[in-house]
Amino acid sequence: MEVQTDICREILYAFLDTWTVDEIRRMTLDQYVSVGDKDTFCQWLETMTRSLGSIKGVNSSKFGIYKRRDKSKRPKRLCNDNDYSWQKFYGDDRNEAFAKIKSEILQIIDYAKKGQFEQIDDLHLTQFVRWKIAYLYSGERLIPIFKKDILVKIANHFGLSAAYKTPNSAIQFTFTKLNPLHTQATA
């Protein structure tokens, strides 16, 4: 178990060394998401840090914007240009959308570092992405489970009253009260 924990921490630290707050501030759209580039922020979230909690299984729109491999496939429920598709909430063009997404990522990181997890509930990135980012920057104060129905089942198993409508932060907070790192980080 200790060896597994050490490996997971090495992966976490590699992520944090690669994706510092300053790097994210400077991050370009191609550094955020691209096709065939294994070193983008989104690849790190989904693939490189999978052992720290999986967000696999939902299509690439979960990242707010993505570069289409097949440029002819333009999802009708998303905004599209020649290369990218993005959630309509984020704006009319890829640059506006990416600027809003990057701003939201920086907010999540700030809230996670400060332990203000309840602020993360109402942001717009999908819950998988929001809570994975929050976990990675939280100083290990959150549990690495990002699928809501699984989080609710675990909470209920441990006797916590939770439903699908219960905010993720409330469920996470209940678990983090039991985690000694949470006490250290917020003291």
N, C-alpha and C. Protein backbone atom coordinates (compact mmCIF):
# COMPACT_ATOMS: atom_id res chain seq x y z
N MET A 1 0.83 -1.20 0.00
CA MET A 1 0.00 0.00 0.00
C MET A 1 0.87 1.26 0.00
N GLU A 2 1.94 1.23 0.80
CA GLU A 2 2.82 2.40 0.87
C GLU A 2 3.51 2.66 -0.46
N VAL A 3 3.90 1.59 -1.18
CA VAL A 3 4.52 1.74 -2.49
C VAL A 3 3.54 2.40 -3.46
N GLN A 4 2.28 1.95 -3.45
CA GLN A 4 1.25 2.54 -4.31
C GLN A 4 1.06 4.02 -3.99
N THR A 5 1.02 4.35 -2.71
CA THR A 5 0.88 5.74 -2.29
C THR A 5 2.06 6.57 -2.79
N ASP A 6 3.27 6.03 -2.69
CA ASP A 6 4.46 6.74 -3.17
C ASP A 6 4.39 6.98 -4.68
N ILE A 7 3.93 5.99 -5.42
CA ILE A 7 3.81 6.13 -6.88
C ILE A 7 2.77 7.20 -7.21
N CYS A 8 1.65 7.16 -6.50
CA CYS A 8 0.60 8.17 -6.74
C CYS A 8 1.11 9.57 -6.41
N ARG A 9 1.85 9.71 -5.34
CA ARG A 9 2.40 11.03 -5.00
C ARG A 9 3.39 11.49 -6.06
N GLU A 10 4.19 10.58 -6.59
CA GLU A 10 5.13 10.95 -7.66
C GLU A 10 4.36 11.48 -8.88
N ILE A 11 3.27 10.83 -9.21
CA ILE A 11 2.44 11.28 -10.34
C ILE A 11 1.84 12.65 -10.03
N LEU A 12 1.32 12.81 -8.82
CA LEU A 12 0.75 14.10 -8.41
C LEU A 12 1.79 15.20 -8.49
N TYR A 13 2.97 14.95 -7.94
CA TYR A 13 4.02 15.98 -7.95
C TYR A 13 4.50 16.27 -9.37
N ALA A 14 4.56 15.25 -10.24
CA ALA A 14 4.93 15.49 -11.64
C ALA A 14 3.90 16.40 -12.30
N PHE A 15 2.62 16.14 -12.03
CA PHE A 15 1.57 17.00 -12.57
C PHE A 15 1.74 18.43 -12.06
N LEU A 16 1.88 18.59 -10.76
CA LEU A 16 1.97 19.93 -10.16
C LEU A 16 3.23 20.67 -10.61
N ASP A 17 4.32 19.94 -10.85
CA ASP A 17 5.54 20.57 -11.37
C ASP A 17 5.36 21.02 -12.82
N THR A 18 4.60 20.24 -13.58
CA THR A 18 4.37 20.57 -14.99
C THR A 18 3.34 21.68 -15.13
N TRP A 19 2.25 21.59 -14.36
CA TRP A 19 1.14 22.52 -14.49
C TRP A 19 1.01 23.42 -13.27
N THR A 20 2.02 24.27 -13.11
CA THR A 20 1.98 25.28 -12.05
C THR A 20 0.91 26.31 -12.40
N VAL A 21 0.54 27.11 -11.44
CA VAL A 21 -0.44 28.18 -11.69
C VAL A 21 0.09 29.12 -12.77
N ASP A 22 1.38 29.45 -12.72
CA ASP A 22 1.97 30.32 -13.74
C ASP A 22 1.89 29.69 -15.12
N GLU A 23 2.14 28.37 -15.22
CA GLU A 23 2.02 27.68 -16.51
C GLU A 23 0.59 27.74 -17.03
N ILE A 24 -0.36 27.59 -16.14
CA ILE A 24 -1.76 27.63 -16.56
C ILE A 24 -2.14 29.04 -17.02
N ARG A 25 -1.63 30.05 -16.33
CA ARG A 25 -1.89 31.43 -16.78
C ARG A 25 -1.36 31.66 -18.18
N ARG A 26 -0.20 31.05 -18.51
CA ARG A 26 0.42 31.21 -19.83
C ARG A 26 -0.09 30.20 -20.86
N MET A 27 -0.85 29.23 -20.42
CA MET A 27 -1.29 28.13 -21.28
C MET A 27 -2.05 28.61 -22.51
N THR A 28 -1.70 28.06 -23.66
CA THR A 28 -2.40 28.35 -24.90
C THR A 28 -3.49 27.29 -25.12
N LEU A 29 -4.34 27.54 -26.07
CA LEU A 29 -5.39 26.57 -26.40
C LEU A 29 -4.77 25.24 -26.82
N ASP A 30 -3.72 25.26 -27.62
CA ASP A 30 -3.08 24.00 -28.04
C ASP A 30 -2.40 23.29 -26.87
N GLN A 31 -1.98 24.01 -25.86
CA GLN A 31 -1.41 23.37 -24.67
C GLN A 31 -2.52 22.80 -23.78
N TYR A 32 -3.70 23.37 -23.88
CA TYR A 32 -4.84 22.88 -23.10
C TYR A 32 -5.37 21.58 -23.69
N VAL A 33 -5.66 21.61 -24.99
CA VAL A 33 -6.23 20.43 -25.65
C VAL A 33 -5.80 20.41 -27.11
N SER A 34 -5.43 19.24 -27.59
CA SER A 34 -5.03 19.10 -28.98
C SER A 34 -5.29 17.66 -29.41
N VAL A 35 -4.96 17.35 -30.62
CA VAL A 35 -5.10 15.99 -31.14
C VAL A 35 -3.71 15.40 -31.27
N GLY A 36 -3.50 14.25 -30.65
CA GLY A 36 -2.22 13.55 -30.78
C GLY A 36 -1.11 14.06 -29.89
N ASP A 37 -1.35 15.04 -29.05
CA ASP A 37 -0.34 15.57 -28.14
C ASP A 37 -0.59 15.02 -26.75
N LYS A 38 0.29 14.17 -26.27
CA LYS A 38 0.11 13.51 -24.98
C LYS A 38 0.48 14.41 -23.80
N ASP A 39 0.94 15.62 -24.07
CA ASP A 39 1.42 16.49 -22.98
C ASP A 39 0.51 17.69 -22.74
N THR A 40 -0.73 17.68 -23.23
CA THR A 40 -1.64 18.79 -22.98
C THR A 40 -2.19 18.69 -21.55
N PHE A 41 -2.73 19.78 -21.08
CA PHE A 41 -3.36 19.81 -19.76
C PHE A 41 -4.46 18.75 -19.67
N CYS A 42 -5.29 18.67 -20.70
CA CYS A 42 -6.40 17.71 -20.68
C CYS A 42 -5.90 16.28 -20.70
N GLN A 43 -4.83 16.00 -21.44
CA GLN A 43 -4.25 14.65 -21.42
C GLN A 43 -3.72 14.31 -20.03
N TRP A 44 -3.09 15.28 -19.39
CA TRP A 44 -2.62 15.05 -18.02
C TRP A 44 -3.80 14.75 -17.10
N LEU A 45 -4.89 15.52 -17.23
CA LEU A 45 -6.06 15.29 -16.37
C LEU A 45 -6.65 13.90 -16.58
N GLU A 46 -6.80 13.51 -17.84
CA GLU A 46 -7.52 12.28 -18.13
C GLU A 46 -6.64 11.04 -18.12
N THR A 47 -5.44 11.14 -18.66
CA THR A 47 -4.62 9.96 -18.87
C THR A 47 -3.44 9.85 -17.91
N MET A 48 -2.63 10.89 -17.86
CA MET A 48 -1.39 10.83 -17.08
C MET A 48 -1.64 10.70 -15.57
N THR A 49 -2.77 11.22 -15.11
CA THR A 49 -3.09 11.16 -13.67
C THR A 49 -4.25 10.21 -13.38
N ARG A 50 -4.52 9.28 -14.28
CA ARG A 50 -5.65 8.37 -14.11
C ARG A 50 -5.57 7.60 -12.79
N SER A 51 -4.39 7.23 -12.35
CA SER A 51 -4.27 6.49 -11.10
C SER A 51 -4.64 7.35 -9.88
N LEU A 52 -4.81 8.64 -10.09
CA LEU A 52 -5.24 9.54 -9.01
C LEU A 52 -6.74 9.79 -9.05
N GLY A 53 -7.45 9.05 -9.86
CA GLY A 53 -8.89 9.20 -10.02
C GLY A 53 -9.22 9.39 -11.48
N SER A 54 -10.14 8.58 -11.96
CA SER A 54 -10.45 8.58 -13.39
C SER A 54 -11.59 9.54 -13.74
N ILE A 55 -11.42 10.21 -14.88
CA ILE A 55 -12.50 11.01 -15.46
C ILE A 55 -12.80 10.50 -16.86
N LYS A 56 -12.37 9.28 -17.15
CA LYS A 56 -12.59 8.67 -18.45
C LYS A 56 -14.05 8.27 -18.60
N GLY A 57 -14.50 8.21 -19.84
CA GLY A 57 -15.83 7.70 -20.10
C GLY A 57 -16.81 8.72 -20.63
N VAL A 58 -16.53 9.97 -20.48
CA VAL A 58 -17.38 11.03 -21.02
C VAL A 58 -16.61 11.62 -22.20
N ASN A 59 -17.31 12.06 -23.23
CA ASN A 59 -16.61 12.56 -24.42
C ASN A 59 -15.83 13.83 -24.12
N SER A 60 -15.05 14.27 -25.08
CA SER A 60 -14.12 15.39 -24.90
C SER A 60 -14.78 16.72 -24.61
N SER A 61 -16.08 16.84 -24.84
CA SER A 61 -16.76 18.10 -24.53
C SER A 61 -16.72 18.40 -23.04
N LYS A 62 -16.38 17.40 -22.22
CA LYS A 62 -16.27 17.61 -20.77
C LYS A 62 -15.23 18.67 -20.42
N PHE A 63 -14.28 18.90 -21.33
CA PHE A 63 -13.22 19.88 -21.08
C PHE A 63 -13.64 21.31 -21.45
N GLY A 64 -14.89 21.47 -21.89
CA GLY A 64 -15.39 22.79 -22.26
C GLY A 64 -15.14 23.12 -23.72
N ILE A 65 -13.97 22.74 -24.21
CA ILE A 65 -13.58 22.93 -25.61
C ILE A 65 -12.66 21.78 -25.97
N TYR A 66 -12.72 21.36 -27.21
CA TYR A 66 -11.79 20.32 -27.68
C TYR A 66 -11.55 20.47 -29.17
N LYS A 67 -10.41 19.95 -29.58
CA LYS A 67 -10.05 19.95 -30.99
C LYS A 67 -10.56 18.65 -31.59
N ARG A 68 -11.30 18.76 -32.67
CA ARG A 68 -11.88 17.58 -33.30
C ARG A 68 -10.84 16.85 -34.15
N ARG A 69 -10.78 15.56 -33.98
CA ARG A 69 -9.91 14.74 -34.84
C ARG A 69 -10.49 14.72 -36.25
N ASP A 70 -11.79 14.50 -36.34
CA ASP A 70 -12.49 14.51 -37.63
C ASP A 70 -13.16 15.88 -37.77
N LYS A 71 -12.59 16.72 -38.57
CA LYS A 71 -13.07 18.11 -38.70
C LYS A 71 -14.46 18.20 -39.31
N SER A 72 -14.91 17.15 -39.98
CA SER A 72 -16.25 17.18 -40.59
C SER A 72 -17.35 16.90 -39.57
N LYS A 73 -17.02 16.34 -38.44
CA LYS A 73 -18.02 16.04 -37.41
C LYS A 73 -18.18 17.24 -36.49
N ARG A 74 -19.26 17.96 -36.67
CA ARG A 74 -19.55 19.16 -35.89
C ARG A 74 -20.79 18.90 -35.03
N PRO A 75 -20.59 18.63 -33.75
CA PRO A 75 -21.75 18.31 -32.89
C PRO A 75 -22.77 19.45 -32.88
N LYS A 76 -24.02 19.13 -33.07
CA LYS A 76 -25.08 20.14 -33.17
C LYS A 76 -25.32 20.86 -31.86
N ARG A 77 -25.09 20.22 -30.74
CA ARG A 77 -25.37 20.85 -29.45
C ARG A 77 -24.22 21.75 -28.96
N LEU A 78 -23.15 21.82 -29.76
CA LEU A 78 -21.99 22.64 -29.41
C LEU A 78 -21.76 23.72 -30.46
N CYS A 79 -20.98 24.73 -30.10
CA CYS A 79 -20.49 25.69 -31.08
C CYS A 79 -19.28 25.06 -31.77
N ASN A 80 -19.10 25.38 -33.04
CA ASN A 80 -18.02 24.77 -33.81
C ASN A 80 -17.37 25.79 -34.72
N ASP A 81 -16.08 25.63 -34.95
CA ASP A 81 -15.40 26.32 -36.04
C ASP A 81 -14.72 25.23 -36.87
N ASN A 82 -13.76 25.57 -37.66
CA ASN A 82 -13.13 24.56 -38.53
C ASN A 82 -12.39 23.47 -37.76
N ASP A 83 -11.89 23.78 -36.55
CA ASP A 83 -11.07 22.83 -35.81
C ASP A 83 -11.64 22.42 -34.46
N TYR A 84 -12.32 23.32 -33.78
CA TYR A 84 -12.72 23.12 -32.39
C TYR A 84 -14.23 23.09 -32.21
N SER A 85 -14.64 22.42 -31.14
CA SER A 85 -16.03 22.45 -30.67
C SER A 85 -15.99 22.85 -29.21
N TRP A 86 -16.99 23.63 -28.77
CA TRP A 86 -17.01 24.07 -27.38
C TRP A 86 -18.46 24.25 -26.91
N GLN A 87 -18.61 24.26 -25.60
CA GLN A 87 -19.92 24.45 -24.99
C GLN A 87 -20.37 25.88 -25.23
N LYS A 88 -21.64 26.03 -25.61
CA LYS A 88 -22.20 27.34 -25.98
C LYS A 88 -22.06 28.37 -24.86
N PHE A 89 -22.12 27.93 -23.63
CA PHE A 89 -22.02 28.84 -22.50
C PHE A 89 -20.76 29.71 -22.57
N TYR A 90 -19.70 29.14 -23.12
CA TYR A 90 -18.40 29.82 -23.08
C TYR A 90 -18.20 30.89 -24.13
N GLY A 91 -19.09 31.03 -25.10
CA GLY A 91 -18.94 32.13 -26.03
C GLY A 91 -19.10 31.73 -27.48
N ASP A 92 -18.89 32.74 -28.33
CA ASP A 92 -19.15 32.59 -29.76
C ASP A 92 -17.94 32.14 -30.58
N ASP A 93 -16.75 32.29 -30.03
CA ASP A 93 -15.57 31.83 -30.78
C ASP A 93 -14.61 31.11 -29.84
N ARG A 94 -13.69 30.37 -30.43
CA ARG A 94 -12.79 29.52 -29.64
C ARG A 94 -11.93 30.31 -28.66
N ASN A 95 -11.49 31.49 -29.05
CA ASN A 95 -10.63 32.27 -28.15
C ASN A 95 -11.39 32.75 -26.93
N GLU A 96 -12.60 33.23 -27.13
CA GLU A 96 -13.44 33.65 -26.01
C GLU A 96 -13.75 32.46 -25.11
N ALA A 97 -14.09 31.33 -25.72
CA ALA A 97 -14.40 30.12 -24.94
C ALA A 97 -13.20 29.68 -24.12
N PHE A 98 -12.05 29.61 -24.75
CA PHE A 98 -10.86 29.16 -24.02
C PHE A 98 -10.49 30.13 -22.90
N ALA A 99 -10.60 31.42 -23.14
CA ALA A 99 -10.29 32.40 -22.09
C ALA A 99 -11.18 32.19 -20.87
N LYS A 100 -12.46 31.92 -21.09
CA LYS A 100 -13.38 31.68 -19.97
C LYS A 100 -13.07 30.36 -19.26
N ILE A 101 -12.73 29.35 -20.03
CA ILE A 101 -12.39 28.06 -19.44
C ILE A 101 -11.13 28.17 -18.60
N LYS A 102 -10.12 28.82 -19.13
CA LYS A 102 -8.87 28.99 -18.39
C LYS A 102 -9.11 29.80 -17.11
N SER A 103 -9.92 30.83 -17.20
CA SER A 103 -10.26 31.62 -16.01
C SER A 103 -10.94 30.74 -14.96
N GLU A 104 -11.83 29.88 -15.41
CA GLU A 104 -12.53 28.99 -14.49
C GLU A 104 -11.56 27.99 -13.85
N ILE A 105 -10.63 27.47 -14.62
CA ILE A 105 -9.62 26.55 -14.07
C ILE A 105 -8.81 27.25 -12.99
N LEU A 106 -8.42 28.48 -13.25
CA LEU A 106 -7.66 29.24 -12.25
C LEU A 106 -8.50 29.49 -10.99
N GLN A 107 -9.80 29.72 -11.15
CA GLN A 107 -10.69 29.86 -9.99
C GLN A 107 -10.73 28.56 -9.19
N ILE A 108 -10.89 27.45 -9.88
CA ILE A 108 -10.95 26.15 -9.20
C ILE A 108 -9.67 25.92 -8.40
N ILE A 109 -8.54 26.19 -9.01
CA ILE A 109 -7.26 26.00 -8.33
C ILE A 109 -7.18 26.88 -7.09
N ASP A 110 -7.56 28.13 -7.22
CA ASP A 110 -7.54 29.06 -6.10
C ASP A 110 -8.45 28.57 -4.96
N TYR A 111 -9.67 28.19 -5.30
CA TYR A 111 -10.60 27.68 -4.29
C TYR A 111 -10.07 26.40 -3.65
N ALA A 112 -9.51 25.52 -4.45
CA ALA A 112 -9.00 24.25 -3.91
C ALA A 112 -7.84 24.49 -2.95
N LYS A 113 -6.94 25.37 -3.32
CA LYS A 113 -5.80 25.66 -2.45
C LYS A 113 -6.25 26.29 -1.13
N LYS A 114 -7.28 27.11 -1.18
CA LYS A 114 -7.80 27.78 0.02
C LYS A 114 -8.77 26.91 0.81
N GLY A 115 -9.15 25.75 0.25
CA GLY A 115 -10.12 24.90 0.92
C GLY A 115 -11.55 25.43 0.81
N GLN A 116 -11.80 26.30 -0.15
CA GLN A 116 -13.14 26.86 -0.36
C GLN A 116 -13.88 26.01 -1.39
N PHE A 117 -14.08 24.75 -1.06
CA PHE A 117 -14.61 23.78 -2.01
C PHE A 117 -16.05 24.08 -2.42
N GLU A 118 -16.82 24.69 -1.54
CA GLU A 118 -18.22 24.99 -1.87
C GLU A 118 -18.32 25.96 -3.04
N GLN A 119 -17.28 26.76 -3.28
CA GLN A 119 -17.28 27.69 -4.40
C GLN A 119 -17.19 26.97 -5.74
N ILE A 120 -16.71 25.74 -5.72
CA ILE A 120 -16.49 24.98 -6.95
C ILE A 120 -17.80 24.41 -7.49
N ASP A 121 -18.76 24.17 -6.62
CA ASP A 121 -20.02 23.52 -7.02
C ASP A 121 -20.74 24.23 -8.16
N ASP A 122 -20.72 25.54 -8.19
CA ASP A 122 -21.54 26.29 -9.14
C ASP A 122 -20.80 26.72 -10.41
N LEU A 123 -19.58 26.26 -10.59
CA LEU A 123 -18.85 26.61 -11.81
C LEU A 123 -19.36 25.76 -12.98
N HIS A 124 -18.91 26.03 -14.17
CA HIS A 124 -19.53 25.47 -15.36
C HIS A 124 -18.84 24.27 -15.99
N LEU A 125 -17.56 24.10 -15.78
CA LEU A 125 -16.93 22.89 -16.31
C LEU A 125 -17.66 21.68 -15.75
N THR A 126 -17.64 20.58 -16.46
CA THR A 126 -18.33 19.39 -15.97
C THR A 126 -17.78 19.00 -14.61
N GLN A 127 -18.63 18.36 -13.81
CA GLN A 127 -18.22 18.01 -12.46
C GLN A 127 -16.98 17.13 -12.45
N PHE A 128 -16.82 16.24 -13.45
CA PHE A 128 -15.63 15.40 -13.52
C PHE A 128 -14.37 16.25 -13.55
N VAL A 129 -14.36 17.20 -14.46
CA VAL A 129 -13.18 18.03 -14.68
C VAL A 129 -12.96 18.96 -13.49
N ARG A 130 -14.03 19.62 -13.03
CA ARG A 130 -13.91 20.54 -11.88
C ARG A 130 -13.28 19.85 -10.68
N TRP A 131 -13.83 18.69 -10.33
CA TRP A 131 -13.39 18.04 -9.10
C TRP A 131 -12.05 17.33 -9.26
N LYS A 132 -11.71 16.92 -10.47
CA LYS A 132 -10.37 16.36 -10.70
C LYS A 132 -9.33 17.46 -10.51
N ILE A 133 -9.58 18.64 -11.10
CA ILE A 133 -8.66 19.76 -10.93
C ILE A 133 -8.59 20.14 -9.45
N ALA A 134 -9.72 20.24 -8.80
CA ALA A 134 -9.75 20.59 -7.37
C ALA A 134 -8.94 19.59 -6.56
N TYR A 135 -9.13 18.31 -6.83
CA TYR A 135 -8.37 17.29 -6.11
C TYR A 135 -6.87 17.49 -6.29
N LEU A 136 -6.44 17.67 -7.54
CA LEU A 136 -5.02 17.77 -7.83
C LEU A 136 -4.35 18.95 -7.12
N TYR A 137 -5.09 20.03 -6.92
CA TYR A 137 -4.50 21.23 -6.31
C TYR A 137 -4.91 21.42 -4.85
N SER A 138 -5.59 20.45 -4.27
CA SER A 138 -6.14 20.61 -2.92
C SER A 138 -5.18 20.27 -1.79
N GLY A 139 -3.99 19.82 -2.12
CA GLY A 139 -3.10 19.38 -1.06
C GLY A 139 -3.58 18.07 -0.44
N GLU A 140 -4.18 17.23 -1.25
CA GLU A 140 -4.69 15.92 -0.84
C GLU A 140 -5.78 16.01 0.23
N ARG A 141 -6.58 17.06 0.16
CA ARG A 141 -7.67 17.23 1.12
C ARG A 141 -9.01 16.73 0.61
N LEU A 142 -9.06 16.27 -0.63
CA LEU A 142 -10.28 15.73 -1.20
C LEU A 142 -10.08 14.26 -1.52
N ILE A 143 -11.18 13.54 -1.65
CA ILE A 143 -11.05 12.16 -2.09
C ILE A 143 -11.14 12.14 -3.62
N PRO A 144 -10.38 11.27 -4.25
CA PRO A 144 -10.30 11.28 -5.72
C PRO A 144 -11.41 10.46 -6.38
N ILE A 145 -12.63 10.84 -6.12
CA ILE A 145 -13.79 10.21 -6.76
C ILE A 145 -14.59 11.34 -7.39
N PHE A 146 -14.82 11.25 -8.69
CA PHE A 146 -15.38 12.37 -9.42
C PHE A 146 -16.74 12.09 -10.05
N LYS A 147 -17.14 10.85 -10.05
CA LYS A 147 -18.45 10.48 -10.59
C LYS A 147 -19.47 10.61 -9.47
N LYS A 148 -20.46 11.45 -9.67
CA LYS A 148 -21.40 11.82 -8.61
C LYS A 148 -22.14 10.62 -8.02
N ASP A 149 -22.65 9.71 -8.86
CA ASP A 149 -23.41 8.60 -8.31
C ASP A 149 -22.54 7.69 -7.44
N ILE A 150 -21.28 7.53 -7.78
CA ILE A 150 -20.37 6.73 -6.95
C ILE A 150 -20.09 7.46 -5.64
N LEU A 151 -19.86 8.75 -5.71
CA LEU A 151 -19.62 9.55 -4.50
C LEU A 151 -20.81 9.46 -3.55
N VAL A 152 -22.01 9.54 -4.09
CA VAL A 152 -23.23 9.44 -3.26
C VAL A 152 -23.34 8.05 -2.64
N LYS A 153 -23.08 7.00 -3.41
CA LYS A 153 -23.15 5.64 -2.88
C LYS A 153 -22.16 5.43 -1.74
N ILE A 154 -20.95 5.92 -1.91
CA ILE A 154 -19.94 5.77 -0.86
C ILE A 154 -20.36 6.54 0.39
N ALA A 155 -20.85 7.76 0.20
CA ALA A 155 -21.31 8.57 1.34
C ALA A 155 -22.41 7.83 2.09
N ASN A 156 -23.38 7.32 1.37
CA ASN A 156 -24.49 6.60 2.01
C ASN A 156 -24.01 5.32 2.68
N HIS A 157 -23.05 4.65 2.09
CA HIS A 157 -22.49 3.44 2.70
C HIS A 157 -21.89 3.75 4.07
N PHE A 158 -21.29 4.91 4.19
CA PHE A 158 -20.68 5.30 5.46
C PHE A 158 -21.65 6.03 6.39
N GLY A 159 -22.94 5.97 6.04
CA GLY A 159 -23.95 6.53 6.92
C GLY A 159 -24.18 8.03 6.78
N LEU A 160 -23.63 8.61 5.73
CA LEU A 160 -23.83 10.03 5.50
C LEU A 160 -25.08 10.19 4.65
N SER A 161 -25.88 11.17 4.94
CA SER A 161 -27.09 11.38 4.17
C SER A 161 -26.73 12.19 2.93
N ALA A 162 -26.79 11.52 1.76
CA ALA A 162 -26.44 12.19 0.51
C ALA A 162 -27.37 11.72 -0.59
N ALA A 163 -27.67 12.62 -1.49
CA ALA A 163 -28.47 12.31 -2.68
C ALA A 163 -27.76 12.95 -3.87
N TYR A 164 -28.26 12.67 -5.07
CA TYR A 164 -27.63 13.22 -6.26
C TYR A 164 -27.61 14.75 -6.22
N LYS A 165 -28.60 15.36 -5.58
CA LYS A 165 -28.66 16.82 -5.51
C LYS A 165 -27.75 17.41 -4.43
N THR A 166 -27.20 16.57 -3.57
CA THR A 166 -26.27 17.06 -2.55
C THR A 166 -25.03 17.60 -3.24
N PRO A 167 -24.62 18.82 -2.93
CA PRO A 167 -23.43 19.38 -3.59
C PRO A 167 -22.20 18.50 -3.33
N ASN A 168 -21.37 18.37 -4.36
CA ASN A 168 -20.13 17.60 -4.20
C ASN A 168 -19.31 18.10 -3.03
N SER A 169 -19.27 19.41 -2.85
CA SER A 169 -18.46 19.96 -1.76
C SER A 169 -18.94 19.48 -0.40
N ALA A 170 -20.25 19.35 -0.22
CA ALA A 170 -20.79 18.88 1.05
C ALA A 170 -20.38 17.44 1.32
N ILE A 171 -20.42 16.61 0.29
CA ILE A 171 -20.00 15.21 0.46
C ILE A 171 -18.49 15.16 0.71
N GLN A 172 -17.74 15.90 -0.09
CA GLN A 172 -16.29 15.94 0.09
C GLN A 172 -15.92 16.44 1.48
N PHE A 173 -16.61 17.49 1.94
CA PHE A 173 -16.29 18.06 3.25
C PHE A 173 -16.50 17.03 4.35
N THR A 174 -17.55 16.25 4.25
CA THR A 174 -17.82 15.23 5.25
C THR A 174 -16.67 14.23 5.31
N PHE A 175 -16.17 13.83 4.14
CA PHE A 175 -15.04 12.91 4.11
C PHE A 175 -13.75 13.57 4.57
N THR A 176 -13.53 14.81 4.19
CA THR A 176 -12.27 15.46 4.53
C THR A 176 -12.16 15.77 6.01
N LYS A 177 -13.28 15.87 6.70
CA LYS A 177 -13.21 16.06 8.16
C LYS A 177 -12.52 14.88 8.82
N LEU A 178 -12.59 13.72 8.19
CA LEU A 178 -11.96 12.52 8.71
C LEU A 178 -10.49 12.42 8.32
N ASN A 179 -10.05 13.27 7.40
CA ASN A 179 -8.69 13.22 6.87
C ASN A 179 -7.79 14.19 7.67
N PRO A 180 -6.73 13.68 8.30
CA PRO A 180 -5.86 14.55 9.09
C PRO A 180 -5.18 15.64 8.26
N LEU A 181 -4.99 15.42 6.95
CA LEU A 181 -4.39 16.47 6.12
C LEU A 181 -5.32 17.67 6.01
N HIS A 182 -6.61 17.44 6.03
CA HIS A 182 -7.60 18.54 5.96
C HIS A 182 -7.43 19.45 7.17
N THR A 183 -7.30 18.87 8.32
CA THR A 183 -7.13 19.66 9.54
C THR A 183 -5.86 20.49 9.48
N GLN A 184 -4.76 19.88 9.01
CA GLN A 184 -3.49 20.60 8.91
C GLN A 184 -3.58 21.76 7.92
N ALA A 185 -4.20 21.53 6.79
CA ALA A 185 -4.23 22.54 5.74
C ALA A 185 -5.14 23.72 6.06
N THR A 186 -6.17 23.49 6.87
CA THR A 186 -7.10 24.57 7.15
C THR A 186 -6.84 25.23 8.49
N ALA A 187 -5.91 24.68 9.25
CA ALA A 187 -5.62 25.25 10.59
C ALA A 187 -4.80 26.51 10.49
